[in-house]
Amino acid sequence: MKNRLLRVEQLTEGDRDAMYELLSRHFETVNRSQFEQDLQQKNWVILLEDAITTMLAGFTTLLMYETTFADDKFSVVYSGDTIVDPKAWSSSILARSWLAAVKKLRYLYPEGKLYWLLISSGYRTYRFLPVFSREFYPRYDVVTPPNVQQFMNFLAQGRFGDHYDVTTGIVKFSHPQVLRSPLRVVPTERLQDPHVCFFEQCNPGHVQGDELVCLTEICEENLTRAGLRLWYADQNKNSSGLPLLDGEGWGAGVRE
């Protein structure tokens, strides 16, 4: 697997066609205009491709921006459409590429602390947080501190407006993208994981495309051992400067 970090305006028509085809293959109710609209609201994209055939195996779009809250400046990375073909789930290429890209882009967005604003309609995506972050919210074992909740509400209301319910922390889009069955179903055995069980309880409408708003700070001090391994991975880089390594993967395709 190889990857490319591009500005959205650098995408070719062929890139866009391949991205839409991959997204529509794994999600219901996907239409091209909605895909293009979401894409234009982002400024970066990571393409994951087969190293031999160069066929698209996954992608994720990003919005990197800076903001001010309570008189402090912050940098934020918000994840947009994200999908990885199930055939590539055995690779950690998405997680590794994403962290490496954010680390690289941090130099372009240096203001204050850097936070990841993540909305999750799939337990696999939510599970990424405890694997790589020490402190993140919401979570099953700690109540979200009031100041963190206020910051989450500020970011979510600014990004999603009336689609965000401040009482539940859930975003309900007018035209949600829903994972095709069986990708959207949480296997019974996975509910033994307290993080997965918590996600299911907090976002019971995930099967209809409801999104749980999550937040974590991206910094070395907040990374787990697994996160630090990815953060410092610097071998086997391609021309984009992102590492090409295999291992335990992120998981399934998600619309975040």
Protein backbone atom coordinates (compact mmCIF):
# COMPACT_ATOMS: atom_id res chain seq x y z
CA MET A 1 0.00 0.00 0.00
CA LYS A 2 1.10 3.56 -0.69
CA ASN A 3 -0.41 6.92 0.16
CA ARG A 4 -0.61 10.47 -1.08
CA LEU A 5 -1.30 13.65 0.88
CA LEU A 6 -2.87 16.28 -1.37
CA ARG A 7 -4.69 19.56 -1.19
CA VAL A 8 -8.28 19.08 -2.34
CA GLU A 9 -7.70 21.28 -5.38
CA GLN A 10 -4.87 18.97 -6.49
CA LEU A 11 -7.26 16.04 -6.99
CA THR A 12 -7.77 15.01 -10.60
CA GLU A 13 -11.17 14.12 -12.01
CA GLY A 14 -10.02 10.50 -11.99
CA ASP A 15 -9.18 10.76 -8.29
CA ARG A 16 -12.64 12.15 -7.54
CA ASP A 17 -14.36 9.46 -9.60
CA ALA A 18 -12.46 6.69 -7.79
CA MET A 19 -13.22 8.23 -4.39
CA TYR A 20 -16.93 8.48 -5.12
CA GLU A 21 -17.10 4.94 -6.50
CA LEU A 22 -15.40 3.54 -3.37
CA LEU A 23 -17.66 5.52 -1.06
CA SER A 24 -20.89 4.54 -2.82
CA ARG A 25 -19.83 0.88 -2.84
CA HIS A 26 -19.87 0.79 0.97
CA PHE A 27 -22.55 3.32 1.89
CA GLU A 28 -26.23 3.61 1.12
CA THR A 29 -27.93 6.83 -0.07
CA VAL A 30 -24.70 8.30 -1.45
CA ASN A 31 -25.03 10.83 -4.27
CA ARG A 32 -22.36 12.65 -6.24
CA SER A 33 -23.48 16.18 -5.40
CA GLN A 34 -23.38 15.45 -1.67
CA PHE A 35 -19.94 13.90 -2.05
CA GLU A 36 -18.63 16.91 -3.97
CA GLN A 37 -20.16 19.34 -1.49
CA ASP A 38 -18.49 17.60 1.44
CA LEU A 39 -15.18 17.50 -0.43
CA GLN A 40 -15.25 21.24 -1.13
CA GLN A 41 -15.65 21.90 2.60
CA LYS A 42 -12.30 20.18 3.29
CA ASN A 43 -8.80 21.35 2.42
CA TRP A 44 -6.72 18.13 2.51
CA VAL A 45 -7.13 14.51 1.47
CA ILE A 46 -5.13 11.32 1.99
CA LEU A 47 -5.41 8.72 -0.77
CA LEU A 48 -4.52 5.08 -0.02
CA GLU A 49 -3.59 3.08 -3.12
CA ASP A 50 -2.44 -0.39 -4.05
CA ALA A 51 1.31 -0.15 -4.58
CA ILE A 52 1.18 -2.37 -7.69
CA THR A 53 -2.12 -1.58 -9.40
CA THR A 54 -2.41 2.02 -8.05
CA MET A 55 -6.13 1.33 -7.54
CA LEU A 56 -7.73 3.35 -4.76
CA ALA A 57 -8.14 1.28 -1.59
CA GLY A 58 -9.21 4.05 0.76
CA PHE A 59 -9.20 7.74 1.51
CA THR A 60 -9.94 10.29 4.19
CA THR A 61 -10.63 14.00 3.86
CA LEU A 62 -9.50 16.59 6.40
CA LEU A 63 -10.36 20.13 7.36
CA MET A 64 -7.48 21.82 9.17
CA TYR A 65 -8.26 25.23 10.64
CA GLU A 66 -7.57 27.59 13.52
CA THR A 67 -10.11 29.08 15.92
CA THR A 68 -10.46 31.05 19.15
CA PHE A 69 -12.40 29.92 22.22
CA ALA A 70 -12.48 31.60 25.64
CA ASP A 71 -9.75 34.01 24.51
CA ASP A 72 -7.39 31.16 23.62
CA LYS A 73 -6.30 30.15 20.13
CA PHE A 74 -6.53 26.53 18.99
CA SER A 75 -5.86 24.46 15.90
CA VAL A 76 -8.40 21.83 14.87
CA VAL A 77 -8.41 18.90 12.48
CA TYR A 78 -11.87 17.66 11.49
CA SER A 79 -12.27 14.36 9.67
CA GLY A 80 -14.63 14.22 6.69
CA ASP A 81 -15.57 11.30 4.45
CA THR A 82 -13.43 8.27 5.30
CA ILE A 83 -13.49 4.80 3.79
CA VAL A 84 -11.14 1.84 3.57
CA ASP A 85 -12.00 -1.17 1.45
CA PRO A 86 -12.44 -4.27 3.68
CA LYS A 87 -9.68 -5.97 1.68
CA ALA A 88 -7.22 -3.51 3.23
CA TRP A 89 -8.38 -3.80 6.84
CA SER A 90 -5.36 -5.91 7.76
CA SER A 91 -3.12 -2.89 7.17
CA SER A 92 -2.65 0.02 9.55
CA ILE A 93 -2.00 2.31 6.58
CA LEU A 94 -4.93 4.63 7.34
CA ALA A 95 -4.01 5.22 10.99
CA ARG A 96 -0.33 5.63 10.19
CA SER A 97 -0.93 7.91 7.23
CA TRP A 98 -3.43 10.04 9.14
CA LEU A 99 -1.15 10.64 12.12
CA ALA A 100 1.84 11.31 9.88
CA ALA A 101 -0.18 13.76 7.77
CA VAL A 102 -1.45 15.65 10.81
CA LYS A 103 2.09 15.79 12.23
CA LYS A 104 3.29 17.24 8.92
CA LEU A 105 0.40 19.72 8.56
CA ARG A 106 0.88 20.94 12.12
CA TYR A 107 3.65 23.19 10.81
CA LEU A 108 1.08 24.98 8.63
CA TYR A 109 -1.39 25.36 11.50
CA PRO A 110 0.77 26.18 14.55
CA GLU A 111 -1.72 28.12 16.70
CA GLY A 112 -2.20 26.82 20.26
CA LYS A 113 -3.03 23.23 21.11
CA LEU A 114 -4.15 20.88 18.33
CA TYR A 115 -7.45 19.01 18.72
CA TRP A 116 -9.10 16.30 16.66
CA LEU A 117 -12.83 16.85 16.17
CA LEU A 118 -14.22 13.45 15.24
CA ILE A 119 -17.80 12.42 14.57
CA SER A 120 -18.40 8.70 14.57
CA SER A 121 -21.28 6.64 13.21
CA GLY A 122 -19.27 3.43 13.54
CA TYR A 123 -17.79 1.70 16.56
CA ARG A 124 -14.59 0.90 14.66
CA THR A 125 -13.83 4.59 14.29
CA TYR A 126 -14.66 5.37 17.92
CA ARG A 127 -12.39 2.49 18.97
CA PHE A 128 -9.50 4.36 17.35
CA LEU A 129 -9.56 6.85 20.24
CA PRO A 130 -8.70 4.53 23.17
CA VAL A 131 -6.13 2.70 21.06
CA PHE A 132 -4.10 5.82 20.31
CA SER A 133 -5.16 8.52 22.83
CA ARG A 134 -4.73 8.56 26.59
CA GLU A 135 -7.35 11.24 27.17
CA PHE A 136 -10.39 11.64 24.94
CA TYR A 137 -14.10 12.38 25.33
CA PRO A 138 -16.73 11.16 25.71
CA ARG A 139 -15.69 7.87 27.33
CA TYR A 140 -17.19 5.21 29.57
CA ASP A 141 -14.92 5.59 32.62
CA VAL A 142 -14.71 9.37 33.06
CA VAL A 143 -17.34 12.12 32.94
CA THR A 144 -16.46 14.77 30.36
CA PRO A 145 -15.15 17.84 32.26
CA PRO A 146 -17.43 20.89 31.90
CA ASN A 147 -14.76 23.02 30.17
CA VAL A 148 -14.06 20.27 27.65
CA GLN A 149 -17.78 19.80 27.00
CA GLN A 150 -18.18 23.51 26.41
CA PHE A 151 -15.32 23.44 23.90
CA MET A 152 -16.84 20.41 22.15
CA ASN A 153 -20.21 22.16 21.98
CA PHE A 154 -18.56 25.28 20.56
CA LEU A 155 -16.78 23.32 17.82
CA ALA A 156 -19.79 21.12 17.00
CA GLN A 157 -22.29 23.98 16.86
CA GLY A 158 -19.93 25.97 14.67
CA ARG A 159 -19.44 23.04 12.32
CA PHE A 160 -22.89 21.40 12.27
CA GLY A 161 -25.33 24.06 13.44
CA ASP A 162 -28.83 22.81 14.19
CA HIS A 163 -27.86 19.26 13.21
CA TYR A 164 -26.02 19.02 16.54
CA ASP A 165 -27.97 18.16 19.70
CA VAL A 166 -26.11 19.66 22.64
CA THR A 167 -27.98 17.46 25.15
CA THR A 168 -26.96 14.16 23.54
CA GLY A 169 -23.74 15.08 21.75
CA ILE A 170 -25.18 13.57 18.56
CA VAL A 171 -25.19 14.99 15.03
CA LYS A 172 -28.17 14.06 12.85
CA PHE A 173 -27.64 15.03 9.23
CA SER A 174 -30.59 15.65 6.93
CA HIS A 175 -29.18 13.13 4.47
CA PRO A 176 -26.94 10.78 6.47
CA GLN A 177 -24.72 8.25 4.78
CA VAL A 178 -25.40 4.80 6.20
CA LEU A 179 -22.97 1.91 6.06
CA ARG A 180 -24.27 -1.05 4.12
CA SER A 181 -25.16 -4.18 6.07
CA PRO A 182 -23.39 -5.95 7.74
CA LEU A 183 -20.76 -3.20 8.21
CA ARG A 184 -23.08 -1.06 10.33
CA VAL A 185 -23.99 -3.82 12.83
CA VAL A 186 -22.03 -4.14 16.07
CA PRO A 187 -21.21 -7.84 16.59
CA THR A 188 -22.52 -9.10 19.93
CA GLU A 189 -19.10 -10.25 21.06
CA ARG A 190 -17.68 -6.74 20.55
CA LEU A 191 -20.09 -5.39 23.18
CA GLN A 192 -17.88 -7.04 25.80
CA ASP A 193 -15.44 -4.21 25.09
CA PRO A 194 -16.50 -1.35 27.43
CA HIS A 195 -15.58 1.26 24.82
CA VAL A 196 -17.75 -0.38 22.16
CA CYS A 197 -20.58 -0.88 24.64
CA PHE A 198 -20.37 2.79 25.62
CA PHE A 199 -20.50 3.88 21.98
CA GLU A 200 -23.58 1.71 21.39
CA GLN A 201 -25.33 3.22 24.42
CA CYS A 202 -24.41 6.82 23.60
CA ASN A 203 -25.25 6.55 19.91
CA PRO A 204 -28.08 4.02 19.51
CA GLY A 205 -29.01 5.60 16.17
CA HIS A 206 -25.63 4.90 14.58
CA VAL A 207 -27.25 2.30 12.31
CA GLN A 208 -29.26 5.17 10.77
CA GLY A 209 -26.13 7.30 10.38
CA ASP A 210 -26.25 9.30 13.63
CA GLU A 211 -22.81 10.66 14.55
CA LEU A 212 -21.27 10.88 18.03
CA VAL A 213 -19.13 14.00 18.54
CA CYS A 214 -15.72 13.21 20.04
CA LEU A 215 -12.65 15.24 20.92
CA THR A 216 -9.02 14.51 21.76
CA GLU A 217 -5.85 16.56 21.90
CA ILE A 218 -3.16 15.54 19.43
CA CYS A 219 0.23 15.77 21.10
CA GLU A 220 2.98 13.38 22.10
CA GLU A 221 1.98 13.51 25.77
CA ASN A 222 -1.54 12.32 24.94
CA LEU A 223 -0.51 9.38 22.77
CA THR A 224 -0.53 5.79 23.98
CA ARG A 225 2.42 3.51 23.26
CA ALA A 226 0.67 2.44 20.06
CA GLY A 227 0.18 6.06 19.09
CA LEU A 228 3.81 6.93 19.78
CA ARG A 229 4.98 4.08 17.55
CA LEU A 230 3.03 5.62 14.68
CA TRP A 231 4.08 9.16 15.60
CA TYR A 232 7.77 8.29 15.33
CA ALA A 233 7.51 5.93 12.37
CA ASP A 234 9.85 7.40 9.78
CA GLN A 235 11.11 4.50 7.72
CA ASN A 236 9.92 3.42 4.26
CA LYS A 237 8.52 6.82 3.39
CA ASN A 238 7.18 7.60 -0.04
CA SER A 239 7.37 10.91 -1.87
CA SER A 240 4.62 12.43 0.25
CA GLY A 241 6.68 11.94 3.40
CA LEU A 242 4.17 9.54 4.95
CA PRO A 243 5.20 6.14 6.35
CA LEU A 244 4.22 2.91 4.61
CA LEU A 245 3.97 0.28 7.31
CA ASP A 246 1.74 -2.70 7.98
CA GLY A 247 0.20 -3.94 11.20
CA GLU A 248 -3.07 -3.91 13.09
CA GLY A 249 -5.45 -1.67 11.17
CA TRP A 250 -7.89 1.15 11.92
CA GLY A 251 -10.93 -0.85 10.91
CA ALA A 252 -13.83 -0.42 8.55
CA GLY A 253 -15.00 2.32 6.29
CA VAL A 254 -16.76 5.15 8.01
CA ARG A 255 -18.49 8.33 7.06
CA GLU A 256 -17.02 10.82 9.54
